[in-house]
Amino acid sequence: MIADVDLVAPPARLGRWLADRGLTEDATVEIEQLAGGSSNLTFRVRSGAHDWVLRRPPATGVLPTAHDMVREHDIQLALGATAVPVARMVAVCEDHEVIGAPFYLMERVDGTIYATAESVAALAADDAGRMSLAMADTLAALHTVDPVAIGLGAMARPEPFVDRQLRRWEGQWERSRLTDLPVLDEVFSSLQRRRPEPTQARIVHGDYNLANVMFSAEDAGTVAAVLDWELAALGDALADLGALLAYWGAAGRLLFARRGGHLPDANPGMASAAELVDRYEAASGAAATDLPFFEAMATAKLAVICAGSMHRMTDQSDERRATTWELVTNLATIAAETLA
């Protein structure tokens, strides 16, 4: 059993909670913190023959409307009845007294996440191609789900999804900028002018990329589970495809340059951006229009996130800040070129 620093409460409390609900034979649990999981904390929990994953908010810095564990649980619970591969939900707890925060448990899925260029490069070219096309198929499957039919209609908001996104990220940019950056200001102005008409609301994952997709351990061309639903919302489905294309293209190349290399470039068998779009359209039965808009919006969002990170960096040297601001500027330029 690892130390319970990040779990917050003594693991024995979790063990008793599980036993009281008949989920385990006794209150003995083994806990191991796992890497990844965006901002929420992820743990492997084992008790007897049971092997689960626990998700909880971070121990500090939790915003009032963020890290909603019940919402994240309920989205996946609803999707469990669809063709979208998700882990099976086991239990959800809103009682802070158990581990210090709300949490949920899901069954652990045995699979592989290809989150590094090295792991992608090690794949056979055919497997790399099937893997990337399977991502497009799975995204299309998500976007063909009627959220109302599976009980997620209450997630709808009166303000159009794109309007909410632009308002949020323009506001973040105003709070994060270190100095004027006319190119990013113009990107947001162009996005405001060119925003498409709202489409029928679909479930938007919010961070759909290779790092959040687990593939079968036996077959790299089969998606075992889509992970990390904390940013999911109802909105324009093409926001997910546009974001995936941003990671697949110039913005992704820039971001991954210092992380061991760009994942789609790591293997010649990986599908091109055009092949992803074609596959998505064929699987969804819908035309992927306005993609430059959604890709540019995703790239502008990445620029704002990088700008915001400058305020949290432990290394505040002039060199580090200049390097990060150059990244912000280059991402903004890519967004402008995408809209051109």
Foldseek 3Di string as FASTA:
>chain_A
DDDCVFLQDPLLLVLVVCVVVVNAPGSDKDKDWDDDQPQWTKIWIDGVVATKIKTWGTPDDDDPPAGDAVVLLLVQCLCVVFPQAAFAWDAWDQDCVRRNGTMTMTGDFPFDFDPALVSLLPDDLQLQALLQLLLLLNLLRQQLDDCVVSPNPVLDDPDAPLVVLLVVLVVLLVVQDPDDQVLLVVLSVVLVVPPDDWDFWTKEQQQRERRQWTAHRVGSNHTNHGHRSRRIGITHSLLNLLLHVLCQDDLVQLVCVVVNGRNQVSHPSHDHNVVSQVSNCVSNVDHNPPSLSSNLSNLSSVLSVLSNVQVVDPDVDPVVVVVSNVSSNVSSVVSSVSVD
